[in-house]
Amino acid sequence: MRKILRRLANDRGAEIAEAAVVLPLAFMFLLGIVWFGRAFNIYSTITQAAQQGAIVAARPTCATCGNSQNNDTAVTNAINAVLQASRIDPGNIPTHSNPPTLTASCPVPAPAASCTGTTVVVCRSVILNPSGATSPVQCGAVVSFQYPFQFYLPFTSLNMQTVTMTAHAQMRMEN
């Protein structure tokens, strides 16, 4: 009996067993931090890209886009430039599943509000402030698009799950 108790009291190899349990959990925790950090980086980048696109869409003229206010190519180029600067593929932007809806057009002299685009939706001459606002009516442009992100976290429920992030920005039109 003493021989059995001595063997049970022996703790040789306990560190290896503990490491075999703890190291995979620690590795998964660190991998999760990396992938959530990447998701946050992509979200902040697409938000910045939408803001740059809204700035271009709100300008009445543009030197690089042929002085045309309704040039969606210039908006898309501005968005693509920000995405490519962060090594994000603009070709992954899917067709917008929930495009923004127009609540009201700006009063004259602005042209009637309109939304164009299927992947990057650009709405111009939109009232930006709510209907009950006491300040004067502010007209502007709204840019919206979505970007998919796929998690790679093996042995979790998030493995190979795709999360669609939406970028939405608005900018007041300058006269």
Protein backbone atom coordinates (compact mmCIF):
# COMPACT_ATOMS: atom_id res chain seq x y z
CA MET A 1 0.00 0.00 0.00
CA ARG A 2 2.86 2.38 0.83
CA LYS A 3 4.36 1.69 -2.56
CA ILE A 4 1.15 2.78 -4.29
CA LEU A 5 0.87 5.93 -2.14
CA ARG A 6 4.46 6.85 -2.91
CA ARG A 7 3.78 6.51 -6.64
CA LEU A 8 0.65 8.65 -6.36
CA ALA A 9 2.53 11.32 -4.38
CA ASN A 10 5.26 11.47 -7.01
CA ASP A 11 4.80 14.61 -9.15
CA ARG A 12 7.32 13.85 -11.87
CA GLY A 13 5.86 14.66 -15.27
CA ALA A 14 3.06 16.82 -13.83
CA GLU A 15 4.50 19.88 -15.57
CA ILE A 16 4.25 18.18 -18.94
CA ALA A 17 0.61 17.27 -18.33
CA GLU A 18 -0.19 20.81 -17.21
CA ALA A 19 1.56 22.27 -20.23
CA ALA A 20 -0.35 19.90 -22.52
CA VAL A 21 -3.59 21.33 -21.15
CA VAL A 22 -2.63 25.01 -20.81
CA LEU A 23 -0.58 25.68 -23.97
CA PRO A 24 -3.34 24.93 -26.51
CA LEU A 25 -5.73 27.16 -24.57
CA ALA A 26 -3.16 29.96 -24.38
CA PHE A 27 -2.42 29.57 -28.10
CA MET A 28 -6.14 29.79 -28.97
CA PHE A 29 -6.47 32.87 -26.77
CA LEU A 30 -3.54 34.59 -28.51
CA LEU A 31 -4.82 33.56 -31.94
CA GLY A 32 -8.22 35.04 -31.05
CA ILE A 33 -6.58 38.32 -30.06
CA VAL A 34 -4.76 38.45 -33.42
CA TRP A 35 -7.91 37.75 -35.48
CA PHE A 36 -10.12 40.16 -33.54
CA GLY A 37 -7.38 42.77 -33.92
CA ARG A 38 -7.36 42.17 -37.67
CA ALA A 39 -11.15 42.48 -37.77
CA PHE A 40 -10.95 45.80 -35.90
CA ASN A 41 -8.24 47.00 -38.29
CA ILE A 42 -10.39 46.17 -41.31
CA TYR A 43 -13.44 47.83 -39.74
CA SER A 44 -11.55 51.06 -39.04
CA THR A 45 -10.05 51.01 -42.54
CA ILE A 46 -13.38 50.57 -44.32
CA THR A 47 -14.88 53.32 -42.14
CA GLN A 48 -12.05 55.65 -43.16
CA ALA A 49 -12.53 54.62 -46.80
CA ALA A 50 -16.24 55.45 -46.61
CA GLN A 51 -15.40 58.85 -45.10
CA GLN A 52 -12.98 59.60 -47.94
CA GLY A 53 -15.59 58.50 -50.47
CA ALA A 54 -18.20 60.75 -48.84
CA ILE A 55 -15.79 63.70 -49.01
CA VAL A 56 -15.32 63.15 -52.75
CA ALA A 57 -19.07 62.65 -53.29
CA ALA A 58 -19.95 65.88 -51.43
CA ARG A 59 -17.64 68.08 -53.50
CA PRO A 60 -19.39 70.07 -56.21
CA THR A 61 -16.37 69.75 -58.52
CA CYS A 62 -13.35 67.51 -58.63
CA ALA A 63 -10.10 68.25 -60.48
CA THR A 64 -9.22 64.59 -60.97
CA CYS A 65 -12.69 63.41 -61.98
CA GLY A 66 -13.52 65.77 -64.83
CA ASN A 67 -15.43 68.41 -62.81
CA SER A 68 -18.49 66.20 -62.59
CA GLN A 69 -20.36 65.98 -59.32
CA ASN A 70 -22.07 62.74 -60.26
CA ASN A 71 -18.92 60.76 -61.02
CA ASP A 72 -19.17 57.57 -58.94
CA THR A 73 -15.86 56.38 -60.37
CA ALA A 74 -14.05 59.08 -58.39
CA VAL A 75 -15.80 57.96 -55.19
CA THR A 76 -14.93 54.32 -55.86
CA ASN A 77 -11.31 55.28 -56.65
CA ALA A 78 -11.03 57.17 -53.34
CA ILE A 79 -12.39 54.16 -51.46
CA ASN A 80 -10.11 51.74 -53.31
CA ALA A 81 -7.05 53.89 -52.58
CA VAL A 82 -7.67 53.74 -48.82
CA LEU A 83 -8.37 50.00 -48.90
CA GLN A 84 -5.28 49.23 -50.97
CA ALA A 85 -3.10 51.34 -48.65
CA SER A 86 -4.00 48.87 -45.87
CA ARG A 87 -3.59 45.85 -48.15
CA ILE A 88 -7.32 45.13 -48.25
CA ASP A 89 -8.65 43.81 -51.55
CA PRO A 90 -11.36 46.14 -52.93
CA GLY A 91 -12.48 43.29 -55.18
CA ASN A 92 -14.03 41.58 -52.14
CA ILE A 93 -16.71 44.26 -51.74
CA PRO A 94 -20.00 42.42 -52.36
CA THR A 95 -23.26 43.78 -53.73
CA HIS A 96 -24.84 45.85 -50.96
CA SER A 97 -27.54 43.73 -49.30
CA ASN A 98 -29.20 46.63 -47.46
CA PRO A 99 -28.62 49.89 -49.37
CA PRO A 100 -29.53 53.13 -47.58
CA THR A 101 -32.94 54.60 -48.25
CA LEU A 102 -33.54 58.28 -48.90
CA THR A 103 -35.66 60.07 -46.36
CA ALA A 104 -35.86 63.43 -48.12
CA SER A 105 -34.28 65.44 -50.89
CA CYS A 106 -32.55 68.71 -50.25
CA PRO A 107 -34.44 71.86 -51.13
CA VAL A 108 -33.69 73.87 -54.25
CA PRO A 109 -31.06 74.72 -55.69
CA ALA A 110 -29.61 71.26 -55.06
CA PRO A 111 -30.57 68.54 -57.56
CA ALA A 112 -33.02 65.86 -56.49
CA ALA A 113 -31.62 63.20 -54.19
CA SER A 114 -30.45 60.02 -55.84
CA CYS A 115 -28.61 56.85 -54.90
CA THR A 116 -26.39 55.03 -57.36
CA GLY A 117 -24.22 51.96 -57.27
CA THR A 118 -24.66 48.34 -56.25
CA THR A 119 -21.43 47.60 -54.37
CA VAL A 120 -20.59 51.13 -53.21
CA VAL A 121 -23.87 53.01 -52.78
CA VAL A 122 -23.51 56.79 -53.19
CA CYS A 123 -26.45 59.03 -52.29
CA ARG A 124 -26.24 62.72 -53.11
CA SER A 125 -28.40 65.72 -52.14
CA VAL A 126 -29.70 63.99 -49.03
CA ILE A 127 -30.89 65.84 -45.91
CA LEU A 128 -28.42 64.86 -43.20
CA ASN A 129 -29.99 66.33 -40.08
CA PRO A 130 -33.20 64.85 -38.65
CA SER A 131 -36.57 66.34 -39.48
CA GLY A 132 -37.08 67.77 -35.99
CA ALA A 133 -33.75 69.58 -35.84
CA THR A 134 -33.76 73.26 -34.97
CA SER A 135 -30.69 74.05 -37.06
CA PRO A 136 -30.96 74.85 -40.77
CA VAL A 137 -31.29 71.98 -43.19
CA GLN A 138 -27.95 70.41 -44.07
CA CYS A 139 -27.58 68.68 -47.40
CA GLY A 140 -24.86 66.21 -48.19
CA ALA A 141 -23.72 62.91 -49.54
CA VAL A 142 -23.93 59.45 -47.99
CA VAL A 143 -21.59 56.59 -48.93
CA SER A 144 -22.19 53.02 -47.81
CA PHE A 145 -20.64 49.66 -48.60
CA GLN A 146 -20.03 46.29 -46.98
CA TYR A 147 -16.92 44.16 -46.55
CA PRO A 148 -16.73 40.48 -45.55
CA PHE A 149 -14.26 39.19 -42.97
CA GLN A 150 -13.64 35.51 -42.31
CA PHE A 151 -12.35 34.29 -38.95
CA TYR A 152 -9.83 31.44 -38.76
CA LEU A 153 -10.08 30.15 -35.22
CA PRO A 154 -9.86 26.36 -35.27
CA PHE A 155 -11.74 24.37 -32.63
CA THR A 156 -14.15 27.25 -31.97
CA SER A 157 -17.61 28.16 -33.21
CA LEU A 158 -16.11 31.16 -35.05
CA ASN A 159 -13.93 29.04 -37.32
CA MET A 160 -14.55 29.90 -40.97
CA GLN A 161 -17.46 32.20 -40.04
CA THR A 162 -17.88 35.23 -42.29
CA VAL A 163 -18.87 38.52 -40.70
CA THR A 164 -20.09 41.28 -43.02
CA MET A 165 -19.03 44.70 -41.79
CA THR A 166 -20.85 47.79 -43.02
CA ALA A 167 -19.14 51.13 -43.60
CA HIS A 168 -21.40 54.16 -43.67
CA ALA A 169 -20.31 57.80 -43.85
CA GLN A 170 -21.95 61.10 -44.59
CA MET A 171 -20.49 64.47 -45.47
CA ARG A 172 -22.07 67.91 -45.68
CA MET A 173 -22.01 69.53 -49.11
CA GLU A 174 -20.10 72.80 -49.31
CA ASN A 175 -21.40 75.65 -51.38
